[in-house]
Amino acid sequence: TYDATIRQLIEDTYAQVEPLLDVDGVAFAVSFEIYGLPIADYGIGYSMADADTVVIAVDPLFTGLGEVLPERLPVMVASALYDIARTRGGASSETFFETMVWSGLADHFAEEVLGSSTPPWANAFPVERTGEFMERAQPLFDTRWSDQWNPELSSTENMAVGRILDDWFSVGSADIPLWAGSTLGYRLIESYQTENPGQTAADLVNTPASVFRP
């Protein structure tokens, strides 16, 4: 039903992003069968398959899909293309902090290019609580996601890393709001740009996460 609309939105957004980032030759696929996607209550999501391929996830049963596609699909496409460019530039998302920064940069890029509103995963809790959650997150900054499968660690330690990922980025917990890690990343980049006026997310695409470390 929405094939032509989806194709046009992808092509239009790609045309906006291509002059700004290294995204030459990126291929797109559209599916509804990606684990954990589309984003809950959003109807759309994406996954970067590799440095040349993006898979856009669309929920065909999402209520009002036709109405939200023009607003939400370009955000996914722009963010995905930013991920591609940052990957091609050699950036890492291996640690908690790197993931946090990566997410914040991609969200700011989408806003800057599209003039879109802040997505829900970048505004998971009131601004007044940013310092509180940043303080709680700091001891976790160097947590490496690969330790979920590190045979040198105990199963308990492996599972603890998985819980950190879930609690801060994908599920939330009783005292950590859903998407808290992504929100911290967004606000960290916001603070950096305030202190360094004129630097856009496109300018920062190849900047190591360490530059933003509080």
N, C-alpha and C. Protein backbone atom coordinates (compact mmCIF):
# COMPACT_ATOMS: atom_id res chain seq x y z
N THR A 1 0.82 -1.21 0.00
CA THR A 1 0.00 0.00 0.00
C THR A 1 0.86 1.26 0.00
N TYR A 2 1.94 1.25 0.75
CA TYR A 2 2.76 2.45 0.91
C TYR A 2 4.09 2.36 0.15
N ASP A 3 4.20 1.43 -0.75
CA ASP A 3 5.46 1.21 -1.43
C ASP A 3 6.00 2.48 -2.09
N ALA A 4 5.17 3.15 -2.87
CA ALA A 4 5.63 4.35 -3.58
C ALA A 4 6.02 5.46 -2.60
N THR A 5 5.25 5.61 -1.53
CA THR A 5 5.55 6.64 -0.53
C THR A 5 6.88 6.36 0.15
N ILE A 6 7.07 5.11 0.56
CA ILE A 6 8.31 4.73 1.23
C ILE A 6 9.52 4.95 0.33
N ARG A 7 9.43 4.52 -0.91
CA ARG A 7 10.54 4.71 -1.85
C ARG A 7 10.87 6.19 -2.02
N GLN A 8 9.84 7.01 -2.18
CA GLN A 8 10.08 8.43 -2.42
C GLN A 8 10.70 9.10 -1.21
N LEU A 9 10.22 8.76 -0.01
CA LEU A 9 10.77 9.35 1.21
C LEU A 9 12.23 8.96 1.41
N ILE A 10 12.56 7.71 1.13
CA ILE A 10 13.96 7.27 1.23
C ILE A 10 14.83 8.03 0.24
N GLU A 11 14.37 8.13 -1.00
CA GLU A 11 15.16 8.81 -2.03
C GLU A 11 15.34 10.29 -1.73
N ASP A 12 14.27 10.94 -1.26
CA ASP A 12 14.34 12.37 -0.95
C ASP A 12 15.29 12.64 0.21
N THR A 13 15.22 11.81 1.25
CA THR A 13 16.08 12.01 2.41
C THR A 13 17.53 11.71 2.06
N TYR A 14 17.75 10.67 1.27
CA TYR A 14 19.11 10.35 0.83
C TYR A 14 19.71 11.52 0.07
N ALA A 15 18.91 12.16 -0.77
CA ALA A 15 19.40 13.30 -1.55
C ALA A 15 19.80 14.47 -0.65
N GLN A 16 19.12 14.63 0.48
CA GLN A 16 19.48 15.68 1.43
C GLN A 16 20.77 15.37 2.18
N VAL A 17 20.97 14.09 2.48
CA VAL A 17 22.10 13.68 3.31
C VAL A 17 23.38 13.51 2.50
N GLU A 18 23.27 13.03 1.28
CA GLU A 18 24.45 12.67 0.49
C GLU A 18 25.49 13.78 0.36
N PRO A 19 25.11 15.05 0.21
CA PRO A 19 26.15 16.09 0.12
C PRO A 19 26.91 16.32 1.43
N LEU A 20 26.38 15.82 2.53
CA LEU A 20 26.95 16.12 3.85
C LEU A 20 27.82 15.02 4.41
N LEU A 21 27.58 13.77 4.01
CA LEU A 21 28.24 12.62 4.61
C LEU A 21 28.73 11.65 3.56
N ASP A 22 29.63 10.75 3.97
CA ASP A 22 30.11 9.68 3.09
C ASP A 22 29.09 8.54 3.10
N VAL A 23 28.11 8.63 2.21
CA VAL A 23 27.07 7.61 2.14
C VAL A 23 26.87 7.13 0.71
N ASP A 24 27.89 7.27 -0.09
CA ASP A 24 27.78 6.85 -1.48
C ASP A 24 27.52 5.34 -1.58
N GLY A 25 26.56 4.96 -2.42
CA GLY A 25 26.32 3.55 -2.72
C GLY A 25 25.58 2.78 -1.66
N VAL A 26 24.91 3.46 -0.73
CA VAL A 26 24.17 2.75 0.32
C VAL A 26 22.90 2.15 -0.28
N ALA A 27 22.63 0.89 0.07
CA ALA A 27 21.41 0.21 -0.37
C ALA A 27 20.42 0.14 0.78
N PHE A 28 19.13 0.20 0.44
CA PHE A 28 18.07 0.12 1.44
C PHE A 28 17.18 -1.08 1.16
N ALA A 29 16.78 -1.74 2.24
CA ALA A 29 15.75 -2.77 2.16
C ALA A 29 14.67 -2.40 3.16
N VAL A 30 13.44 -2.83 2.90
CA VAL A 30 12.33 -2.55 3.81
C VAL A 30 11.71 -3.87 4.23
N SER A 31 11.48 -4.03 5.53
CA SER A 31 10.97 -5.29 6.05
C SER A 31 10.14 -5.02 7.30
N PHE A 32 9.36 -5.99 7.72
CA PHE A 32 8.66 -5.91 9.02
C PHE A 32 9.14 -7.02 9.93
N GLU A 33 10.20 -7.73 9.57
CA GLU A 33 10.62 -8.91 10.31
C GLU A 33 12.02 -8.76 10.89
N ILE A 34 12.25 -7.67 11.61
CA ILE A 34 13.54 -7.45 12.25
C ILE A 34 13.34 -7.57 13.75
N TYR A 35 14.17 -8.35 14.43
CA TYR A 35 14.03 -8.56 15.87
C TYR A 35 14.13 -7.22 16.61
N GLY A 36 13.17 -6.94 17.46
CA GLY A 36 13.18 -5.73 18.26
C GLY A 36 12.71 -4.48 17.55
N LEU A 37 12.36 -4.61 16.28
CA LEU A 37 11.90 -3.46 15.51
C LEU A 37 10.60 -3.83 14.82
N PRO A 38 9.79 -2.85 14.42
CA PRO A 38 9.92 -1.41 14.57
C PRO A 38 9.89 -0.97 16.03
N ILE A 39 10.24 0.29 16.24
CA ILE A 39 10.26 0.85 17.58
C ILE A 39 8.84 0.88 18.14
N ALA A 40 8.71 0.45 19.39
CA ALA A 40 7.39 0.38 20.03
C ALA A 40 6.69 1.72 19.97
N ASP A 41 5.42 1.71 19.59
CA ASP A 41 4.57 2.91 19.54
C ASP A 41 5.06 3.95 18.54
N TYR A 42 5.97 3.57 17.67
CA TYR A 42 6.49 4.51 16.67
C TYR A 42 6.19 4.04 15.25
N GLY A 43 6.11 2.72 15.08
CA GLY A 43 5.72 2.16 13.79
C GLY A 43 6.83 1.94 12.80
N ILE A 44 8.00 2.50 13.07
CA ILE A 44 9.12 2.45 12.14
C ILE A 44 10.40 2.29 12.94
N GLY A 45 11.41 1.68 12.35
CA GLY A 45 12.73 1.57 12.95
C GLY A 45 13.74 1.26 11.87
N TYR A 46 14.98 1.06 12.28
CA TYR A 46 15.99 0.70 11.28
C TYR A 46 17.11 -0.11 11.91
N SER A 47 17.82 -0.80 11.07
CA SER A 47 19.01 -1.53 11.49
C SER A 47 20.07 -1.36 10.41
N MET A 48 21.30 -1.09 10.82
CA MET A 48 22.40 -1.00 9.86
C MET A 48 22.98 -2.40 9.69
N ALA A 49 22.72 -3.02 8.54
CA ALA A 49 23.21 -4.38 8.32
C ALA A 49 24.72 -4.42 8.20
N ASP A 50 25.29 -3.47 7.48
CA ASP A 50 26.74 -3.33 7.33
C ASP A 50 27.01 -1.92 6.83
N ALA A 51 28.24 -1.62 6.46
CA ALA A 51 28.61 -0.26 6.08
C ALA A 51 28.06 0.15 4.72
N ASP A 52 27.29 -0.71 4.09
CA ASP A 52 26.71 -0.39 2.79
C ASP A 52 25.21 -0.64 2.73
N THR A 53 24.61 -1.14 3.82
CA THR A 53 23.22 -1.59 3.74
C THR A 53 22.43 -1.18 4.98
N VAL A 54 21.25 -0.63 4.75
CA VAL A 54 20.32 -0.27 5.81
C VAL A 54 19.02 -1.03 5.60
N VAL A 55 18.48 -1.57 6.68
CA VAL A 55 17.16 -2.19 6.62
C VAL A 55 16.19 -1.32 7.41
N ILE A 56 15.17 -0.84 6.74
CA ILE A 56 14.12 -0.06 7.37
C ILE A 56 13.00 -1.00 7.79
N ALA A 57 12.60 -0.91 9.05
CA ALA A 57 11.52 -1.76 9.55
C ALA A 57 10.24 -0.93 9.62
N VAL A 58 9.18 -1.44 9.00
CA VAL A 58 7.89 -0.76 9.01
C VAL A 58 6.82 -1.73 9.48
N ASP A 59 6.01 -1.30 10.45
CA ASP A 59 4.91 -2.12 10.94
C ASP A 59 3.68 -1.86 10.08
N PRO A 60 3.29 -2.82 9.23
CA PRO A 60 2.16 -2.57 8.32
C PRO A 60 0.82 -2.47 9.03
N LEU A 61 0.76 -2.88 10.29
CA LEU A 61 -0.49 -2.82 11.05
C LEU A 61 -0.54 -1.62 12.00
N PHE A 62 0.46 -0.76 11.93
CA PHE A 62 0.51 0.39 12.83
C PHE A 62 -0.64 1.34 12.50
N THR A 63 -1.39 1.72 13.53
CA THR A 63 -2.53 2.61 13.33
C THR A 63 -2.07 3.98 12.83
N GLY A 64 -2.63 4.41 11.70
CA GLY A 64 -2.26 5.72 11.15
C GLY A 64 -0.91 5.74 10.46
N LEU A 65 -0.46 4.59 9.97
CA LEU A 65 0.87 4.52 9.35
C LEU A 65 1.03 5.54 8.23
N GLY A 66 0.02 5.66 7.39
CA GLY A 66 0.10 6.59 6.27
C GLY A 66 0.32 8.03 6.70
N GLU A 67 -0.23 8.37 7.88
CA GLU A 67 -0.10 9.74 8.37
C GLU A 67 1.28 10.01 8.97
N VAL A 68 1.88 9.00 9.60
CA VAL A 68 3.15 9.24 10.29
C VAL A 68 4.37 8.98 9.41
N LEU A 69 4.20 8.27 8.31
CA LEU A 69 5.35 7.96 7.45
C LEU A 69 6.12 9.21 7.01
N PRO A 70 5.46 10.26 6.51
CA PRO A 70 6.21 11.42 6.02
C PRO A 70 7.05 12.11 7.09
N GLU A 71 6.63 12.01 8.35
CA GLU A 71 7.38 12.63 9.44
C GLU A 71 8.45 11.71 10.00
N ARG A 72 8.12 10.44 10.18
CA ARG A 72 9.00 9.54 10.91
C ARG A 72 10.00 8.78 10.05
N LEU A 73 9.61 8.40 8.85
CA LEU A 73 10.53 7.64 8.01
C LEU A 73 11.80 8.42 7.67
N PRO A 74 11.70 9.71 7.30
CA PRO A 74 12.95 10.45 7.04
C PRO A 74 13.89 10.50 8.23
N VAL A 75 13.34 10.54 9.46
CA VAL A 75 14.18 10.54 10.65
C VAL A 75 14.99 9.25 10.72
N MET A 76 14.33 8.12 10.43
CA MET A 76 15.02 6.83 10.44
C MET A 76 16.10 6.78 9.37
N VAL A 77 15.77 7.27 8.18
CA VAL A 77 16.71 7.22 7.06
C VAL A 77 17.93 8.10 7.35
N ALA A 78 17.70 9.32 7.83
CA ALA A 78 18.82 10.21 8.12
C ALA A 78 19.71 9.64 9.23
N SER A 79 19.09 9.09 10.27
CA SER A 79 19.86 8.50 11.37
C SER A 79 20.66 7.29 10.88
N ALA A 80 20.04 6.46 10.06
CA ALA A 80 20.72 5.28 9.53
C ALA A 80 21.91 5.68 8.66
N LEU A 81 21.73 6.69 7.84
CA LEU A 81 22.83 7.14 6.99
C LEU A 81 23.96 7.74 7.82
N TYR A 82 23.62 8.38 8.92
CA TYR A 82 24.66 8.88 9.82
C TYR A 82 25.44 7.72 10.41
N ASP A 83 24.74 6.67 10.80
CA ASP A 83 25.41 5.47 11.31
C ASP A 83 26.38 4.90 10.27
N ILE A 84 25.93 4.85 9.03
CA ILE A 84 26.78 4.35 7.95
C ILE A 84 28.05 5.19 7.85
N ALA A 85 27.88 6.51 7.80
CA ALA A 85 29.04 7.40 7.64
C ALA A 85 29.99 7.28 8.82
N ARG A 86 29.44 7.18 10.02
CA ARG A 86 30.30 7.08 11.22
C ARG A 86 31.03 5.74 11.23
N THR A 87 30.37 4.70 10.79
CA THR A 87 31.03 3.39 10.69
C THR A 87 32.15 3.43 9.66
N ARG A 88 31.87 4.02 8.51
CA ARG A 88 32.89 4.12 7.47
C ARG A 88 34.09 4.94 7.93
N GLY A 89 33.84 5.87 8.85
CA GLY A 89 34.93 6.69 9.38
C GLY A 89 35.73 6.02 10.47
N GLY A 90 35.33 4.79 10.85
CA GLY A 90 36.09 4.01 11.82
C GLY A 90 35.67 4.19 13.26
N ALA A 91 34.55 4.87 13.52
CA ALA A 91 34.10 5.06 14.90
C ALA A 91 33.63 3.74 15.50
N SER A 92 33.69 3.65 16.81
CA SER A 92 33.30 2.44 17.53
C SER A 92 32.06 2.69 18.35
N SER A 93 31.24 1.65 18.49
CA SER A 93 30.10 1.69 19.42
C SER A 93 30.17 0.48 20.34
N GLU A 94 31.39 0.13 20.71
CA GLU A 94 31.63 -1.08 21.49
C GLU A 94 31.31 -0.91 22.97
N THR A 95 31.37 0.33 23.47
CA THR A 95 31.15 0.55 24.89
C THR A 95 29.85 1.32 25.14
N PHE A 96 29.44 1.32 26.38
CA PHE A 96 28.27 2.07 26.81
C PHE A 96 28.39 3.52 26.35
N PHE A 97 29.53 4.16 26.68
CA PHE A 97 29.67 5.57 26.36
C PHE A 97 29.69 5.82 24.86
N GLU A 98 30.37 4.98 24.11
CA GLU A 98 30.41 5.14 22.66
C GLU A 98 29.01 5.01 22.05
N THR A 99 28.22 4.09 22.56
CA THR A 99 26.84 3.92 22.09
C THR A 99 26.01 5.15 22.42
N MET A 100 26.19 5.66 23.60
CA MET A 100 25.47 6.85 24.05
C MET A 100 25.76 8.03 23.12
N VAL A 101 27.03 8.28 22.86
CA VAL A 101 27.43 9.39 22.00
C VAL A 101 26.93 9.19 20.58
N TRP A 102 27.08 7.98 20.07
CA TRP A 102 26.66 7.67 18.71
C TRP A 102 25.18 7.98 18.52
N SER A 103 24.38 7.54 19.46
CA SER A 103 22.94 7.77 19.38
C SER A 103 22.63 9.26 19.41
N GLY A 104 23.28 9.98 20.29
CA GLY A 104 23.04 11.42 20.38
C GLY A 104 23.42 12.17 19.12
N LEU A 105 24.54 11.81 18.53
CA LEU A 105 24.97 12.46 17.29
C LEU A 105 23.98 12.19 16.16
N ALA A 106 23.54 10.95 16.02
CA ALA A 106 22.61 10.60 14.94
C ALA A 106 21.30 11.35 15.09
N ASP A 107 20.81 11.47 16.32
CA ASP A 107 19.55 12.18 16.54
C ASP A 107 19.69 13.67 16.22
N HIS A 108 20.80 14.25 16.62
CA HIS A 108 21.01 15.67 16.31
C HIS A 108 21.17 15.87 14.80
N PHE A 109 21.82 14.95 14.14
CA PHE A 109 21.96 15.08 12.70
C PHE A 109 20.61 15.08 12.01
N ALA A 110 19.75 14.15 12.39
CA ALA A 110 18.42 14.10 11.78
C ALA A 110 17.66 15.40 12.00
N GLU A 111 17.76 15.94 13.19
CA GLU A 111 17.08 17.21 13.47
C GLU A 111 17.65 18.33 12.63
N GLU A 112 18.97 18.39 12.52
CA GLU A 112 19.61 19.48 11.78
C GLU A 112 19.27 19.43 10.30
N VAL A 113 19.24 18.25 9.75
CA VAL A 113 18.99 18.12 8.31
C VAL A 113 17.51 18.28 7.97
N LEU A 114 16.66 17.70 8.79
CA LEU A 114 15.23 17.63 8.47
C LEU A 114 14.40 18.70 9.16
N GLY A 115 14.94 19.31 10.21
CA GLY A 115 14.14 20.22 11.00
C GLY A 115 13.06 19.49 11.78
N SER A 116 13.30 18.23 12.07
CA SER A 116 12.31 17.39 12.76
C SER A 116 12.33 17.66 14.25
N SER A 117 11.29 17.21 14.92
CA SER A 117 11.21 17.37 16.38
C SER A 117 12.05 16.30 17.07
N THR A 118 12.37 16.54 18.33
CA THR A 118 13.16 15.59 19.09
C THR A 118 12.38 14.29 19.25
N PRO A 119 12.97 13.15 18.89
CA PRO A 119 12.25 11.87 18.98
C PRO A 119 12.09 11.44 20.43
N PRO A 120 11.14 10.56 20.71
CA PRO A 120 10.88 10.17 22.10
C PRO A 120 12.06 9.53 22.80
N TRP A 121 12.90 8.81 22.06
CA TRP A 121 14.04 8.14 22.72
C TRP A 121 15.15 9.13 23.09
N ALA A 122 15.05 10.37 22.63
CA ALA A 122 16.02 11.40 23.03
C ALA A 122 15.45 12.34 24.09
N ASN A 123 14.28 11.99 24.60
CA ASN A 123 13.63 12.82 25.61
C ASN A 123 12.89 11.92 26.60
N ALA A 124 13.62 10.98 27.16
CA ALA A 124 13.01 9.93 27.99
C ALA A 124 12.69 10.37 29.41
N PHE A 125 13.29 11.46 29.86
CA PHE A 125 13.05 11.93 31.22
C PHE A 125 13.25 13.45 31.25
N PRO A 126 12.72 14.14 32.26
CA PRO A 126 12.82 15.60 32.32
C PRO A 126 14.27 16.07 32.33
N VAL A 127 14.51 17.21 31.72
CA VAL A 127 15.87 17.77 31.65
C VAL A 127 16.46 17.92 33.05
N GLU A 128 15.61 18.24 34.01
CA GLU A 128 16.09 18.46 35.38
C GLU A 128 16.75 17.23 35.99
N ARG A 129 16.47 16.06 35.43
CA ARG A 129 17.05 14.83 35.99
C ARG A 129 18.29 14.36 35.21
N THR A 130 18.74 15.16 34.26
CA THR A 130 19.87 14.75 33.43
C THR A 130 21.12 14.49 34.28
N GLY A 131 21.42 15.40 35.19
CA GLY A 131 22.61 15.23 36.03
C GLY A 131 22.54 13.97 36.88
N GLU A 132 21.35 13.69 37.38
CA GLU A 132 21.15 12.49 38.21
C GLU A 132 21.46 11.22 37.42
N PHE A 133 20.89 11.12 36.21
CA PHE A 133 21.10 9.91 35.43
C PHE A 133 22.52 9.84 34.86
N MET A 134 23.11 10.99 34.55
CA MET A 134 24.49 10.99 34.07
C MET A 134 25.42 10.47 35.16
N GLU A 135 25.18 10.88 36.39
CA GLU A 135 26.00 10.41 37.51
C GLU A 135 25.86 8.90 37.70
N ARG A 136 24.66 8.39 37.53
CA ARG A 136 24.44 6.95 37.66
C ARG A 136 25.08 6.18 36.51
N ALA A 137 25.12 6.78 35.35
CA ALA A 137 25.64 6.09 34.18
C ALA A 137 27.16 6.09 34.12
N GLN A 138 27.79 7.09 34.68
CA GLN A 138 29.24 7.24 34.51
C GLN A 138 30.05 6.01 34.90
N PRO A 139 29.75 5.30 35.99
CA PRO A 139 30.53 4.10 36.31
C PRO A 139 30.39 3.00 35.26
N LEU A 140 29.40 3.11 34.37
CA LEU A 140 29.16 2.09 33.35
C LEU A 140 29.77 2.46 32.01
N PHE A 141 30.34 3.64 31.89
CA PHE A 141 30.76 4.16 30.59
C PHE A 141 31.68 3.20 29.83
N ASP A 142 32.56 2.51 30.53
CA ASP A 142 33.54 1.65 29.85
C ASP A 142 33.08 0.20 29.72
N THR A 143 31.83 -0.07 30.06
CA THR A 143 31.27 -1.41 29.86
C THR A 143 31.31 -1.76 28.38
N ARG A 144 31.85 -2.94 28.08
CA ARG A 144 31.99 -3.37 26.69
C ARG A 144 30.89 -4.40 26.37
N TRP A 145 30.15 -4.13 25.30
CA TRP A 145 29.05 -5.03 24.96
C TRP A 145 29.52 -6.43 24.61
N SER A 146 30.72 -6.56 24.07
CA SER A 146 31.23 -7.88 23.70
C SER A 146 31.40 -8.79 24.91
N ASP A 147 31.43 -8.22 26.11
CA ASP A 147 31.57 -9.04 27.31
C ASP A 147 30.32 -9.86 27.62
N GLN A 148 29.23 -9.60 26.87
CA GLN A 148 28.06 -10.48 27.00
C GLN A 148 28.40 -11.90 26.57
N TRP A 149 29.42 -12.03 25.70
CA TRP A 149 29.77 -13.34 25.16
C TRP A 149 31.23 -13.69 25.44
N ASN A 150 31.84 -13.01 26.40
CA ASN A 150 33.25 -13.23 26.71
C ASN A 150 33.40 -14.53 27.51
N PRO A 151 34.06 -15.55 26.92
CA PRO A 151 34.18 -16.84 27.61
C PRO A 151 35.07 -16.77 28.86
N GLU A 152 35.84 -15.67 28.99
CA GLU A 152 36.70 -15.54 30.15
C GLU A 152 35.94 -15.02 31.37
N LEU A 153 34.70 -14.57 31.16
CA LEU A 153 33.89 -14.09 32.27
C LEU A 153 32.86 -15.15 32.66
N SER A 154 32.37 -15.05 33.87
CA SER A 154 31.34 -15.98 34.33
C SER A 154 30.02 -15.66 33.64
N SER A 155 29.12 -16.62 33.66
CA SER A 155 27.80 -16.40 33.05
C SER A 155 27.07 -15.26 33.75
N THR A 156 27.30 -15.13 35.06
CA THR A 156 26.67 -14.03 35.81
C THR A 156 27.17 -12.69 35.32
N GLU A 157 28.48 -12.60 35.07
CA GLU A 157 29.06 -11.35 34.56
C GLU A 157 28.57 -11.07 33.14
N ASN A 158 28.48 -12.11 32.32
CA ASN A 158 27.95 -11.93 30.96
C ASN A 158 26.54 -11.37 31.00
N MET A 159 25.71 -11.96 31.84
CA MET A 159 24.32 -11.54 31.93
C MET A 159 24.19 -10.12 32.46
N ALA A 160 25.10 -9.72 33.34
CA ALA A 160 25.05 -8.38 33.90
C ALA A 160 25.25 -7.33 32.82
N VAL A 161 26.14 -7.61 31.87
CA VAL A 161 26.36 -6.68 30.76
C VAL A 161 25.11 -6.58 29.90
N GLY A 162 24.47 -7.70 29.64
CA GLY A 162 23.24 -7.69 28.87
C GLY A 162 22.15 -6.88 29.54
N ARG A 163 22.09 -6.97 30.86
CA ARG A 163 21.08 -6.22 31.61
C ARG A 163 21.34 -4.72 31.51
N ILE A 164 22.61 -4.32 31.52
CA ILE A 164 22.95 -2.90 31.38
C ILE A 164 22.46 -2.36 30.04
N LEU A 165 22.70 -3.13 28.99
CA LEU A 165 22.25 -2.73 27.66
C LEU A 165 20.73 -2.59 27.62
N ASP A 166 20.05 -3.58 28.17
CA ASP A 166 18.59 -3.55 28.19
C ASP A 166 18.07 -2.37 29.02
N ASP A 167 18.63 -2.21 30.22
CA ASP A 167 18.12 -1.20 31.15
C ASP A 167 18.27 0.22 30.59
N TRP A 168 19.40 0.49 29.94
CA TRP A 168 19.70 1.86 29.55
C TRP A 168 19.34 2.20 28.11
N PHE A 169 19.19 1.18 27.26
CA PHE A 169 19.00 1.50 25.84
C PHE A 169 17.77 0.88 25.19
N SER A 170 17.30 -0.26 25.66
CA SER A 170 16.26 -0.92 24.87
C SER A 170 15.00 -1.33 25.63
N VAL A 171 15.08 -1.47 26.94
CA VAL A 171 13.92 -1.95 27.70
C VAL A 171 13.55 -1.02 28.85
N GLY A 172 14.55 -0.53 29.57
CA GLY A 172 14.31 0.22 30.79
C GLY A 172 14.16 -0.71 31.98
N SER A 173 13.96 -0.14 33.15
CA SER A 173 13.79 -0.95 34.36
C SER A 173 12.88 -0.17 35.32
N ALA A 174 12.76 -0.70 36.52
CA ALA A 174 11.87 -0.06 37.49
C ALA A 174 12.30 1.37 37.80
N ASP A 175 13.60 1.65 37.77
CA ASP A 175 14.08 2.99 38.12
C ASP A 175 14.90 3.65 37.02
N ILE A 176 14.95 3.04 35.84
CA ILE A 176 15.64 3.64 34.70
C ILE A 176 14.64 3.74 33.56
N PRO A 177 14.31 4.94 33.10
CA PRO A 177 13.32 5.08 32.04
C PRO A 177 13.80 4.44 30.73
N LEU A 178 12.87 3.93 29.97
CA LEU A 178 13.19 3.42 28.64
C LEU A 178 13.93 4.49 27.85
N TRP A 179 15.05 4.09 27.20
CA TRP A 179 15.86 4.96 26.34
C TRP A 179 16.68 5.99 27.12
N ALA A 180 16.91 5.77 28.41
CA ALA A 180 17.66 6.75 29.20
C ALA A 180 19.05 6.99 28.62
N GLY A 181 19.72 5.93 28.15
CA GLY A 181 21.06 6.09 27.60
C GLY A 181 21.07 6.95 26.35
N SER A 182 20.09 6.76 25.49
CA SER A 182 20.00 7.57 24.27
C SER A 182 19.72 9.03 24.61
N THR A 183 18.90 9.27 25.61
CA THR A 183 18.61 10.63 26.03
C THR A 183 19.85 11.31 26.59
N LEU A 184 20.63 10.58 27.38
CA LEU A 184 21.87 11.15 27.89
C LEU A 184 22.80 11.52 26.75
N GLY A 185 22.89 10.68 25.74
CA GLY A 185 23.73 10.97 24.60
C GLY A 185 23.27 12.22 23.86
N TYR A 186 21.98 12.34 23.68
CA TYR A 186 21.43 13.51 22.99
C TYR A 186 21.76 14.79 23.75
N ARG A 187 21.57 14.76 25.06
CA ARG A 187 21.81 15.97 25.85
C ARG A 187 23.29 16.27 26.00
N LEU A 188 24.12 15.24 25.98
CA LEU A 188 25.56 15.47 26.03
C LEU A 188 26.03 16.19 24.76
N ILE A 189 25.54 15.75 23.60
CA ILE A 189 25.90 16.41 22.34
C ILE A 189 25.34 17.82 22.31
N GLU A 190 24.14 17.99 22.84
CA GLU A 190 23.54 19.32 22.90
C GLU A 190 24.42 20.27 23.71
N SER A 191 24.92 19.80 24.84
CA SER A 191 25.80 20.62 25.67
C SER A 191 27.10 20.94 24.95
N TYR A 192 27.64 19.94 24.26
CA TYR A 192 28.90 20.15 23.52
C TYR A 192 28.71 21.21 22.44
N GLN A 193 27.61 21.15 21.72
CA GLN A 193 27.36 22.12 20.65
C GLN A 193 27.13 23.52 21.21
N THR A 194 26.54 23.60 22.38
CA THR A 194 26.36 24.90 23.02
C THR A 194 27.70 25.52 23.38
N GLU A 195 28.62 24.68 23.84
CA GLU A 195 29.95 25.14 24.22
C GLU A 195 30.86 25.35 23.02
N ASN A 196 30.50 24.73 21.88
CA ASN A 196 31.30 24.84 20.65
C ASN A 196 30.38 25.26 19.50
N PRO A 197 29.89 26.49 19.52
CA PRO A 197 28.91 26.93 18.53
C PRO A 197 29.43 26.81 17.11
N GLY A 198 28.53 26.41 16.21
CA GLY A 198 28.88 26.30 14.80
C GLY A 198 29.25 24.90 14.37
N GLN A 199 29.47 24.00 15.33
CA GLN A 199 29.82 22.62 14.99
C GLN A 199 28.55 21.79 14.86
N THR A 200 28.26 21.34 13.67
CA THR A 200 27.07 20.53 13.44
C THR A 200 27.39 19.06 13.64
N ALA A 201 26.35 18.25 13.70
CA ALA A 201 26.55 16.81 13.82
C ALA A 201 27.28 16.26 12.60
N ALA A 202 27.02 16.83 11.43
CA ALA A 202 27.75 16.41 10.23
C ALA A 202 29.25 16.69 10.38
N ASP A 203 29.59 17.84 10.98
CA ASP A 203 31.00 18.16 11.22
C ASP A 203 31.64 17.16 12.17
N LEU A 204 30.84 16.61 13.07
CA LEU A 204 31.37 15.76 14.15
C LEU A 204 31.29 14.27 13.83
N VAL A 205 30.93 13.92 12.61
CA VAL A 205 30.64 12.52 12.29
C VAL A 205 31.83 11.59 12.55
N ASN A 206 33.04 12.07 12.36
CA ASN A 206 34.21 11.21 12.57
C ASN A 206 34.94 11.51 13.88
N THR A 207 34.31 12.27 14.76
CA THR A 207 34.93 12.64 16.02
C THR A 207 34.83 11.48 17.01
N PRO A 208 35.94 11.07 17.62
CA PRO A 208 35.88 9.98 18.59
C PRO A 208 35.00 10.32 19.78
N ALA A 209 34.36 9.31 20.33
CA ALA A 209 33.47 9.52 21.47
C ALA A 209 34.20 10.16 22.65
N SER A 210 35.48 9.87 22.79
CA SER A 210 36.25 10.38 23.92
C SER A 210 36.24 11.91 24.01
N VAL A 211 36.07 12.58 22.88
CA VAL A 211 36.06 14.05 22.85
C VAL A 211 34.89 14.59 23.66
N PHE A 212 33.81 13.84 23.73
CA PHE A 212 32.60 14.31 24.40
C PHE A 212 32.50 13.86 25.85
N ARG A 213 33.52 13.17 26.33
CA ARG A 213 33.41 12.56 27.66
C ARG A 213 33.40 13.63 28.74
N PRO A 214 32.40 13.60 29.63
CA PRO A 214 32.34 14.62 30.68
C PRO A 214 33.41 14.38 31.73
